[in-house]
N, C-alpha and C. Protein backbone atom coordinates (compact mmCIF):
# COMPACT_ATOMS: atom_id res chain seq x y z
N MET A 1 100.02 123.42 94.95
CA MET A 1 101.34 123.13 95.44
C MET A 1 101.97 122.52 94.11
N ILE A 2 103.11 122.77 93.83
CA ILE A 2 103.98 122.30 93.01
C ILE A 2 104.55 120.92 93.42
N PRO A 3 104.52 119.85 92.75
CA PRO A 3 104.99 118.54 93.15
C PRO A 3 106.55 118.53 93.18
N ASN A 4 107.17 118.10 94.27
CA ASN A 4 108.49 117.90 94.27
C ASN A 4 108.74 116.43 93.96
N ASN A 5 109.71 116.28 93.07
CA ASN A 5 109.98 114.78 92.54
C ASN A 5 110.23 113.73 93.74
N ASN A 6 111.07 114.22 94.69
CA ASN A 6 111.38 113.28 95.78
C ASN A 6 110.18 112.89 96.52
N ASP A 7 109.30 113.99 96.68
CA ASP A 7 107.84 113.55 97.37
C ASP A 7 107.12 112.80 96.64
N THR A 8 107.10 112.96 95.20
CA THR A 8 106.40 111.94 94.37
C THR A 8 106.79 110.65 94.47
N ILE A 9 108.00 110.50 94.44
CA ILE A 9 108.66 109.09 94.49
C ILE A 9 108.38 108.45 95.86
N LYS A 10 108.38 109.22 97.03
CA LYS A 10 108.16 108.78 98.32
C LYS A 10 106.65 108.35 98.50
N ILE A 11 105.74 109.06 97.75
CA ILE A 11 104.40 108.76 97.76
C ILE A 11 103.99 107.44 97.25
N LYS A 12 104.79 107.35 95.98
CA LYS A 12 104.57 106.12 95.13
C LYS A 12 105.03 104.88 95.89
N MET A 13 106.23 105.12 96.45
CA MET A 13 106.80 103.84 97.23
C MET A 13 105.90 103.57 98.45
N VAL A 14 105.39 104.49 99.10
CA VAL A 14 104.46 104.17 100.22
C VAL A 14 103.20 103.56 99.73
N ARG A 15 102.65 104.11 98.61
CA ARG A 15 101.44 103.48 98.14
C ARG A 15 101.65 102.16 97.75
N ASP A 16 102.76 101.85 96.92
CA ASP A 16 103.04 100.51 96.50
C ASP A 16 103.24 99.48 97.73
N SER A 17 104.06 99.90 98.58
CA SER A 17 104.34 98.96 99.78
C SER A 17 103.04 98.93 100.86
N ALA A 18 102.29 99.85 100.86
CA ALA A 18 101.14 99.87 101.61
C ALA A 18 100.08 98.89 101.12
N GLN A 19 100.05 98.61 99.76
CA GLN A 19 99.22 97.54 99.21
C GLN A 19 99.63 96.20 99.61
N ILE A 20 100.83 95.95 99.68
CA ILE A 20 101.44 94.67 100.13
C ILE A 20 101.10 94.46 101.47
N HIS A 21 101.40 95.51 102.35
CA HIS A 21 101.31 95.55 103.82
C HIS A 21 99.72 95.15 104.10
N LEU A 22 98.80 95.84 103.21
CA LEU A 22 97.45 95.57 103.53
C LEU A 22 96.95 94.12 103.27
N VAL A 23 97.54 93.50 102.32
CA VAL A 23 97.35 92.20 102.17
C VAL A 23 97.72 91.12 103.28
N VAL A 24 98.99 91.51 103.75
CA VAL A 24 99.52 90.82 104.83
C VAL A 24 98.58 91.04 106.10
N ALA A 25 98.37 92.30 106.40
CA ALA A 25 97.56 92.68 107.62
C ALA A 25 96.18 91.98 107.42
N THR A 26 95.45 91.87 106.37
CA THR A 26 94.18 91.29 106.10
C THR A 26 94.19 89.79 106.29
N LEU A 27 95.34 89.19 105.95
CA LEU A 27 95.50 87.92 106.13
C LEU A 27 95.74 87.49 107.67
N LEU A 28 96.55 88.26 108.34
CA LEU A 28 96.57 88.23 109.82
C LEU A 28 95.50 88.46 110.56
N VAL A 29 94.46 89.29 110.17
CA VAL A 29 93.23 89.52 110.73
C VAL A 29 92.33 88.32 110.68
N THR A 30 92.35 87.85 109.32
CA THR A 30 91.54 86.61 109.16
C THR A 30 91.92 85.35 109.97
N VAL A 31 93.50 85.24 109.96
CA VAL A 31 93.95 84.09 110.60
C VAL A 31 93.73 84.09 112.19
N THR A 32 93.92 85.33 112.79
CA THR A 32 93.85 85.40 114.21
C THR A 32 92.25 85.43 114.57
N PHE A 33 91.36 85.88 113.80
CA PHE A 33 90.00 85.73 114.10
C PHE A 33 89.60 84.20 114.17
N ALA A 34 90.04 83.48 113.13
CA ALA A 34 89.73 82.20 113.18
C ALA A 34 90.26 81.37 114.27
N ALA A 35 91.49 81.79 114.50
CA ALA A 35 92.26 81.15 115.82
C ALA A 35 91.46 81.17 117.08
N GLY A 36 90.91 82.57 117.26
CA GLY A 36 90.21 82.83 118.42
C GLY A 36 88.94 81.91 118.50
N PHE A 37 88.38 81.28 117.47
CA PHE A 37 87.13 80.45 117.60
C PHE A 37 87.50 78.95 117.45
N THR A 38 88.59 78.60 117.03
CA THR A 38 89.07 77.30 116.78
C THR A 38 90.28 77.16 117.63
N LEU A 39 89.91 77.14 118.96
CA LEU A 39 90.90 77.03 120.02
C LEU A 39 91.62 75.80 120.11
N PRO A 40 93.13 75.85 120.40
CA PRO A 40 93.80 74.65 120.54
C PRO A 40 93.17 73.79 121.67
N GLY A 41 93.15 72.55 121.52
CA GLY A 41 92.57 71.62 122.55
C GLY A 41 91.03 71.37 122.42
N GLY A 42 90.51 72.16 121.79
CA GLY A 42 88.95 72.14 121.37
C GLY A 42 88.23 72.59 122.51
N PHE A 43 86.75 72.21 122.70
CA PHE A 43 85.98 72.57 123.53
C PHE A 43 85.36 71.33 124.21
N GLU A 44 84.90 71.53 125.47
CA GLU A 44 84.19 70.61 126.30
C GLU A 44 82.97 70.33 125.61
N SER A 45 82.78 68.97 125.34
CA SER A 45 81.63 68.51 124.57
C SER A 45 80.67 67.60 125.34
N ASP A 46 81.09 67.40 126.60
CA ASP A 46 80.16 66.40 127.51
C ASP A 46 78.84 67.06 127.71
N LYS A 47 77.72 66.64 127.40
CA LYS A 47 76.40 67.30 127.61
C LYS A 47 76.09 67.53 129.07
N ASP A 48 76.64 66.60 129.86
CA ASP A 48 76.33 66.60 131.24
C ASP A 48 77.43 67.52 132.04
N SER A 49 78.22 68.00 131.40
CA SER A 49 79.40 68.85 132.04
C SER A 49 78.99 70.40 132.37
N SER A 50 79.21 70.94 133.41
CA SER A 50 78.87 72.28 133.68
C SER A 50 79.77 73.34 132.76
N ASP A 51 80.75 72.65 132.17
CA ASP A 51 81.66 73.47 131.46
C ASP A 51 81.41 73.31 129.87
N LYS A 52 80.29 72.75 129.66
CA LYS A 52 79.83 72.44 128.15
C LYS A 52 79.97 73.71 127.38
N GLY A 53 80.97 73.58 126.21
CA GLY A 53 81.20 74.70 125.34
C GLY A 53 82.31 75.54 125.74
N MET A 54 82.94 75.25 126.80
CA MET A 54 84.16 76.01 127.28
C MET A 54 85.41 75.43 126.64
N ALA A 55 86.46 76.06 126.62
CA ALA A 55 87.78 75.64 126.05
C ALA A 55 88.39 74.61 127.12
N ILE A 56 88.73 73.52 126.55
CA ILE A 56 89.33 72.51 127.61
C ILE A 56 90.47 72.94 128.23
N LEU A 57 91.36 73.71 127.62
CA LEU A 57 92.69 73.94 128.23
C LEU A 57 92.72 75.35 129.03
N THR A 58 91.71 75.85 129.39
CA THR A 58 91.49 77.33 129.91
C THR A 58 92.42 77.29 131.20
N LYS A 59 92.66 76.41 131.97
CA LYS A 59 93.49 76.24 133.08
C LYS A 59 94.95 76.23 132.94
N LYS A 60 95.42 76.10 131.66
CA LYS A 60 96.74 75.96 131.39
C LYS A 60 97.38 77.43 130.92
N SER A 61 98.51 77.76 131.48
CA SER A 61 99.09 79.09 131.36
C SER A 61 99.55 79.35 129.93
N ALA A 62 99.89 78.25 129.33
CA ALA A 62 100.35 78.33 127.79
C ALA A 62 99.11 78.61 127.04
N PHE A 63 97.78 78.13 127.25
CA PHE A 63 96.78 78.29 126.61
C PHE A 63 96.23 79.69 126.90
N CYS A 64 96.39 80.27 128.07
CA CYS A 64 96.12 81.79 128.28
C CYS A 64 96.96 82.62 127.58
N ALA A 65 98.29 82.28 127.59
CA ALA A 65 99.19 83.15 126.81
C ALA A 65 98.81 83.16 125.27
N PHE A 66 98.30 82.00 124.80
CA PHE A 66 97.77 81.82 123.43
C PHE A 66 96.85 82.81 123.22
N VAL A 67 95.79 82.82 124.13
CA VAL A 67 94.59 83.59 123.85
C VAL A 67 94.88 85.01 123.93
N VAL A 68 95.78 85.51 124.76
CA VAL A 68 96.18 86.74 124.92
C VAL A 68 96.98 87.42 123.63
N THR A 69 98.02 86.56 123.20
CA THR A 69 98.74 86.90 122.07
C THR A 69 97.95 86.91 120.75
N ASP A 70 97.09 85.99 120.81
CA ASP A 70 96.22 85.91 119.41
C ASP A 70 95.33 87.26 119.51
N ALA A 71 94.77 87.73 120.64
CA ALA A 71 93.99 88.80 120.69
C ALA A 71 94.90 90.01 120.38
N ILE A 72 96.08 90.16 120.73
CA ILE A 72 96.93 91.30 120.61
C ILE A 72 97.29 91.29 118.93
N ALA A 73 97.47 90.10 118.54
CA ALA A 73 97.73 90.07 116.93
C ALA A 73 96.71 90.48 116.17
N PHE A 74 95.47 90.09 116.77
CA PHE A 74 94.16 90.54 115.90
C PHE A 74 94.02 92.07 115.92
N VAL A 75 94.07 92.61 117.19
CA VAL A 75 93.93 93.99 117.45
C VAL A 75 94.96 94.84 116.53
N CYS A 76 96.25 94.38 116.71
CA CYS A 76 97.19 95.13 115.96
C CYS A 76 97.06 95.07 114.32
N SER A 77 96.65 93.82 113.89
CA SER A 77 96.52 93.79 112.41
C SER A 77 95.24 94.46 111.90
N ALA A 78 94.25 94.43 112.77
CA ALA A 78 92.99 95.25 112.47
C ALA A 78 93.39 96.70 112.52
N GLY A 79 94.22 97.12 113.31
CA GLY A 79 94.57 98.63 113.48
C GLY A 79 95.34 98.93 112.26
N ALA A 80 96.31 98.08 111.79
CA ALA A 80 97.10 98.20 110.58
C ALA A 80 96.09 98.42 109.45
N VAL A 81 95.27 97.37 109.25
CA VAL A 81 94.14 97.44 108.20
C VAL A 81 93.51 98.85 108.21
N PHE A 82 93.06 99.20 109.29
CA PHE A 82 92.24 100.57 109.35
C PHE A 82 93.23 101.62 108.88
N SER A 83 94.58 101.59 109.33
CA SER A 83 95.26 102.75 109.02
C SER A 83 95.64 102.73 107.59
N TYR A 84 95.89 101.58 106.92
CA TYR A 84 96.06 101.59 105.45
C TYR A 84 94.82 102.06 104.77
N PHE A 85 93.61 101.72 105.33
CA PHE A 85 92.30 102.13 104.63
C PHE A 85 92.20 103.64 104.72
N VAL A 86 92.56 104.26 105.94
CA VAL A 86 92.63 105.75 106.12
C VAL A 86 93.44 106.27 105.18
N MET A 87 94.71 105.81 104.95
CA MET A 87 95.72 106.29 104.03
C MET A 87 95.02 106.29 102.65
N ALA A 88 94.47 105.18 102.25
CA ALA A 88 93.84 105.25 100.92
C ALA A 88 92.76 106.15 100.63
N MET A 89 91.96 106.39 101.61
CA MET A 89 90.98 107.22 101.53
C MET A 89 91.25 108.71 101.73
N THR A 90 92.27 109.14 102.38
CA THR A 90 92.61 110.56 102.62
C THR A 90 93.71 111.00 101.70
N HIS A 91 94.47 110.10 101.06
CA HIS A 91 95.56 110.54 100.16
C HIS A 91 95.41 109.90 98.74
N ARG A 92 94.55 110.40 98.11
CA ARG A 92 94.24 109.91 96.77
C ARG A 92 94.31 111.22 95.83
N PRO A 93 94.35 111.01 94.39
CA PRO A 93 94.57 112.14 93.50
C PRO A 93 93.29 113.14 93.53
N LYS A 94 93.80 114.38 93.60
CA LYS A 94 92.80 115.56 93.86
C LYS A 94 92.12 115.69 92.71
N ILE A 95 92.39 115.31 91.47
CA ILE A 95 91.67 115.44 90.10
C ILE A 95 91.37 114.16 89.58
N GLU A 96 90.16 113.87 89.19
CA GLU A 96 89.91 112.60 88.72
C GLU A 96 90.59 112.28 87.54
N GLY A 97 91.18 111.03 87.27
CA GLY A 97 91.97 110.51 86.31
C GLY A 97 93.53 110.81 86.49
N GLN A 98 93.77 111.61 87.51
CA GLN A 98 95.22 111.90 87.53
C GLN A 98 95.78 110.90 88.44
N LEU A 99 96.98 110.29 88.09
CA LEU A 99 97.59 109.30 88.86
C LEU A 99 98.56 109.80 89.97
N ASP A 100 99.13 110.95 89.74
CA ASP A 100 100.07 111.44 90.81
C ASP A 100 99.31 112.11 91.86
N ILE A 101 99.77 111.82 93.09
CA ILE A 101 99.07 112.53 94.30
C ILE A 101 100.05 113.67 94.67
N VAL A 102 99.58 114.91 94.79
CA VAL A 102 100.13 116.03 95.06
C VAL A 102 99.65 116.34 96.63
N LEU A 103 100.65 116.45 97.41
CA LEU A 103 100.34 116.76 98.85
C LEU A 103 101.09 117.83 99.36
N THR A 104 100.36 118.55 100.40
CA THR A 104 101.02 119.57 101.05
C THR A 104 102.30 118.97 101.95
N HIS A 105 103.15 119.75 102.47
CA HIS A 105 104.10 119.20 103.48
C HIS A 105 103.48 118.54 104.52
N LYS A 106 102.36 119.12 105.06
CA LYS A 106 101.69 118.70 106.26
C LYS A 106 100.96 117.30 105.91
N GLU A 107 100.33 117.29 104.79
CA GLU A 107 99.78 116.00 104.44
C GLU A 107 100.51 115.03 104.21
N LEU A 108 101.82 115.17 103.61
CA LEU A 108 102.95 114.38 103.39
C LEU A 108 103.32 113.72 104.73
N ARG A 109 103.73 114.65 105.74
CA ARG A 109 104.11 114.32 107.18
C ARG A 109 102.94 113.36 107.70
N ILE A 110 101.77 113.63 107.59
CA ILE A 110 100.67 112.84 108.15
C ILE A 110 100.64 111.41 107.41
N LEU A 111 100.90 111.50 106.18
CA LEU A 111 100.94 110.01 105.38
C LEU A 111 101.92 109.39 106.00
N MET A 112 103.17 109.85 106.11
CA MET A 112 104.24 109.22 106.41
C MET A 112 104.19 108.62 107.98
N LYS A 113 103.69 109.39 108.77
CA LYS A 113 103.34 108.87 110.17
C LYS A 113 102.27 107.74 110.28
N THR A 114 101.33 107.92 109.46
CA THR A 114 100.34 106.95 109.36
C THR A 114 100.92 105.52 108.79
N TYR A 115 101.67 105.69 107.83
CA TYR A 115 102.34 104.65 107.20
C TYR A 115 103.41 103.90 108.33
N ARG A 116 104.08 104.81 109.07
CA ARG A 116 104.90 104.23 110.07
C ARG A 116 104.15 103.39 111.09
N LEU A 117 103.12 104.07 111.61
CA LEU A 117 102.28 103.42 112.72
C LEU A 117 101.75 102.18 112.08
N ALA A 118 101.20 102.18 110.97
CA ALA A 118 100.55 100.92 110.36
C ALA A 118 101.60 99.74 110.13
N THR A 119 102.80 100.22 109.74
CA THR A 119 103.98 99.16 109.75
C THR A 119 104.34 98.72 111.22
N ILE A 120 104.35 99.61 112.21
CA ILE A 120 104.72 99.06 113.40
C ILE A 120 103.66 98.09 114.05
N LEU A 121 102.30 98.48 113.73
CA LEU A 121 101.36 97.61 114.29
C LEU A 121 101.25 96.24 113.39
N LEU A 122 101.69 96.29 112.22
CA LEU A 122 101.75 95.07 111.38
C LEU A 122 102.95 94.15 111.89
N PHE A 123 104.03 94.88 112.28
CA PHE A 123 105.34 94.08 112.87
C PHE A 123 104.81 93.38 114.34
N LEU A 124 104.09 94.25 115.02
CA LEU A 124 103.76 93.66 116.32
C LEU A 124 102.88 92.57 116.23
N SER A 125 101.84 92.61 115.40
CA SER A 125 100.97 91.63 115.00
C SER A 125 101.72 90.30 114.45
N MET A 126 102.64 90.51 113.50
CA MET A 126 103.39 89.20 113.17
C MET A 126 104.29 88.64 114.36
N SER A 127 104.62 89.56 115.31
CA SER A 127 105.39 88.96 116.54
C SER A 127 104.49 88.26 117.31
N ALA A 128 103.36 88.74 117.70
CA ALA A 128 102.31 88.24 118.47
C ALA A 128 101.74 87.04 117.91
N VAL A 129 101.53 86.91 116.52
CA VAL A 129 101.08 85.61 116.05
C VAL A 129 102.10 84.46 116.23
N VAL A 130 103.31 84.79 116.04
CA VAL A 130 104.40 83.70 116.32
C VAL A 130 104.14 83.22 117.72
N ILE A 131 104.13 84.21 118.69
CA ILE A 131 103.97 83.84 120.09
C ILE A 131 102.74 82.92 120.26
N ALA A 132 101.79 83.55 119.61
CA ALA A 132 100.34 82.63 119.71
C ALA A 132 100.57 81.29 119.07
N PHE A 133 101.16 81.19 118.06
CA PHE A 133 101.57 79.92 117.42
C PHE A 133 102.32 78.91 118.40
N VAL A 134 103.34 79.28 119.01
CA VAL A 134 104.18 78.69 119.80
C VAL A 134 103.50 78.23 121.02
N THR A 135 102.71 79.25 121.60
CA THR A 135 102.04 78.94 123.05
C THR A 135 100.83 78.13 122.86
N GLY A 136 100.09 78.07 121.58
CA GLY A 136 99.01 77.31 121.30
C GLY A 136 99.61 75.87 121.07
N LEU A 137 100.72 75.65 120.41
CA LEU A 137 101.18 74.30 120.19
C LEU A 137 101.71 73.79 121.48
N TYR A 138 102.42 74.67 122.23
CA TYR A 138 102.95 74.15 123.58
C TYR A 138 101.72 73.82 124.53
N ALA A 139 100.61 74.47 124.45
CA ALA A 139 99.58 73.93 125.30
C ALA A 139 99.02 72.68 124.96
N THR A 140 99.02 72.37 123.68
CA THR A 140 98.46 71.13 123.28
C THR A 140 99.45 69.92 123.34
N LEU A 141 100.65 70.31 123.31
CA LEU A 141 101.94 69.31 123.32
C LEU A 141 102.58 69.21 124.75
N GLU A 142 101.99 69.75 125.75
CA GLU A 142 102.60 69.99 127.06
C GLU A 142 103.05 68.63 127.63
N ASN A 143 102.33 67.64 127.40
CA ASN A 143 102.69 66.13 127.88
C ASN A 143 103.72 65.66 127.15
N SER A 144 104.24 66.08 125.89
CA SER A 144 105.43 65.68 125.24
C SER A 144 106.46 66.68 125.26
N VAL A 145 107.19 66.93 126.25
CA VAL A 145 108.09 67.97 126.74
C VAL A 145 109.04 68.25 125.66
N GLY A 146 109.71 67.11 125.05
CA GLY A 146 110.70 67.26 123.99
C GLY A 146 110.10 67.92 122.79
N LEU A 147 109.02 67.49 122.32
CA LEU A 147 108.35 68.13 121.20
C LEU A 147 107.97 69.66 121.53
N ALA A 148 107.51 69.77 122.72
CA ALA A 148 106.98 71.20 122.99
C ALA A 148 108.16 72.09 123.06
N ALA A 149 109.24 71.74 123.46
CA ALA A 149 110.33 72.56 123.64
C ALA A 149 110.89 72.85 122.20
N THR A 150 111.01 71.84 121.49
CA THR A 150 111.41 71.84 120.05
C THR A 150 110.59 73.08 119.27
N VAL A 151 109.26 73.01 119.55
CA VAL A 151 108.50 73.99 118.84
C VAL A 151 108.73 75.28 119.38
N CYS A 152 109.09 75.54 120.76
CA CYS A 152 109.51 76.85 121.21
C CYS A 152 110.72 77.41 120.59
N VAL A 153 111.70 76.47 120.54
CA VAL A 153 113.03 76.80 119.93
C VAL A 153 112.72 77.18 118.51
N ILE A 154 112.14 76.52 117.70
CA ILE A 154 111.78 76.90 116.33
C ILE A 154 110.98 78.30 116.29
N GLY A 155 109.90 78.30 117.13
CA GLY A 155 109.30 79.67 117.08
C GLY A 155 110.23 80.92 117.42
N CYS A 156 111.19 80.71 118.20
CA CYS A 156 112.15 81.77 118.70
C CYS A 156 113.17 82.10 117.42
N LEU A 157 113.18 81.23 116.39
CA LEU A 157 113.98 81.43 115.32
C LEU A 157 113.27 82.66 114.48
N ALA A 158 111.99 82.73 114.58
CA ALA A 158 111.34 83.81 113.89
C ALA A 158 111.83 85.17 114.32
N PHE A 159 112.03 85.27 115.72
CA PHE A 159 112.41 86.47 116.19
C PHE A 159 114.05 86.75 115.71
N LEU A 160 114.70 85.71 115.81
CA LEU A 160 116.18 85.82 115.21
C LEU A 160 116.17 86.36 113.77
N ILE A 161 115.22 85.84 113.02
CA ILE A 161 115.10 86.26 111.60
C ILE A 161 114.77 87.72 111.54
N TYR A 162 113.60 88.19 112.47
CA TYR A 162 113.30 89.58 112.33
C TYR A 162 114.60 90.53 112.83
N VAL A 163 115.36 90.09 113.81
CA VAL A 163 116.56 90.89 114.19
C VAL A 163 117.53 90.93 113.07
N LEU A 164 117.80 89.81 112.43
CA LEU A 164 118.72 89.75 111.41
C LEU A 164 118.30 90.72 110.29
N VAL A 165 117.00 90.71 109.78
CA VAL A 165 116.57 91.62 108.86
C VAL A 165 116.87 93.01 109.15
N PHE A 166 116.42 93.34 110.46
CA PHE A 166 116.60 94.71 110.92
C PHE A 166 117.98 95.09 110.94
N ILE A 167 118.98 94.29 111.28
CA ILE A 167 120.38 94.51 111.18
C ILE A 167 120.85 94.68 109.93
N VAL A 168 120.47 93.93 108.88
CA VAL A 168 120.96 94.05 107.47
C VAL A 168 120.28 95.45 106.95
N LEU A 169 119.08 95.78 107.15
CA LEU A 169 118.42 97.04 106.94
C LEU A 169 119.20 98.21 107.54
N TYR A 170 119.55 98.07 108.74
CA TYR A 170 120.33 99.26 109.50
C TYR A 170 121.61 99.39 108.80
N ILE A 171 122.37 98.40 108.56
CA ILE A 171 123.70 98.48 107.99
C ILE A 171 123.63 98.98 106.58
N GLU A 172 122.74 98.66 105.67
CA GLU A 172 122.45 99.11 104.39
C GLU A 172 122.02 100.74 104.33
N ALA A 173 121.23 100.95 105.36
CA ALA A 173 120.84 102.38 105.36
C ALA A 173 121.95 103.17 105.80
N ASN A 174 122.86 102.71 106.68
CA ASN A 174 123.96 103.75 107.10
C ASN A 174 125.19 103.56 106.26
N LYS A 175 125.29 102.97 105.05
CA LYS A 175 126.43 102.91 104.24
C LYS A 175 126.76 104.18 103.43
């Protein structure tokens, strides 16, 4: 296949941004994995307790929300890492030493769909990790209502930032 200059530029842009996305997704996998084992509030340590080793806050709904959103963030970021890995393995130069990737239209379409899916998974993971952060702090600060509410408001600012970025991108794309 004869390489189309636009396709070559598109492939390079996807490859460059996928590398950055992969770093972010890998960090999210690491953080959410660690958060799953270092739960807010800690674990029951009384040796005579029947709940020894269990999370102390399991009966609090904010803690349950933390656990669920942390799991969602972990699965989405792991899915994104896997998608970027598949992209790297299946869309590389056909000839050793060649830097340009030449793809058929079908291969380019698959690459772009995989990239979009990985990006969506990464965005979902970033959103879920913000919710996990807020609910984890809320669960541990529940007795301090003012501080807990402040943390929730600050956490919601992340979503406002996400929306503003999307609005700016949408406006710029439609100029």
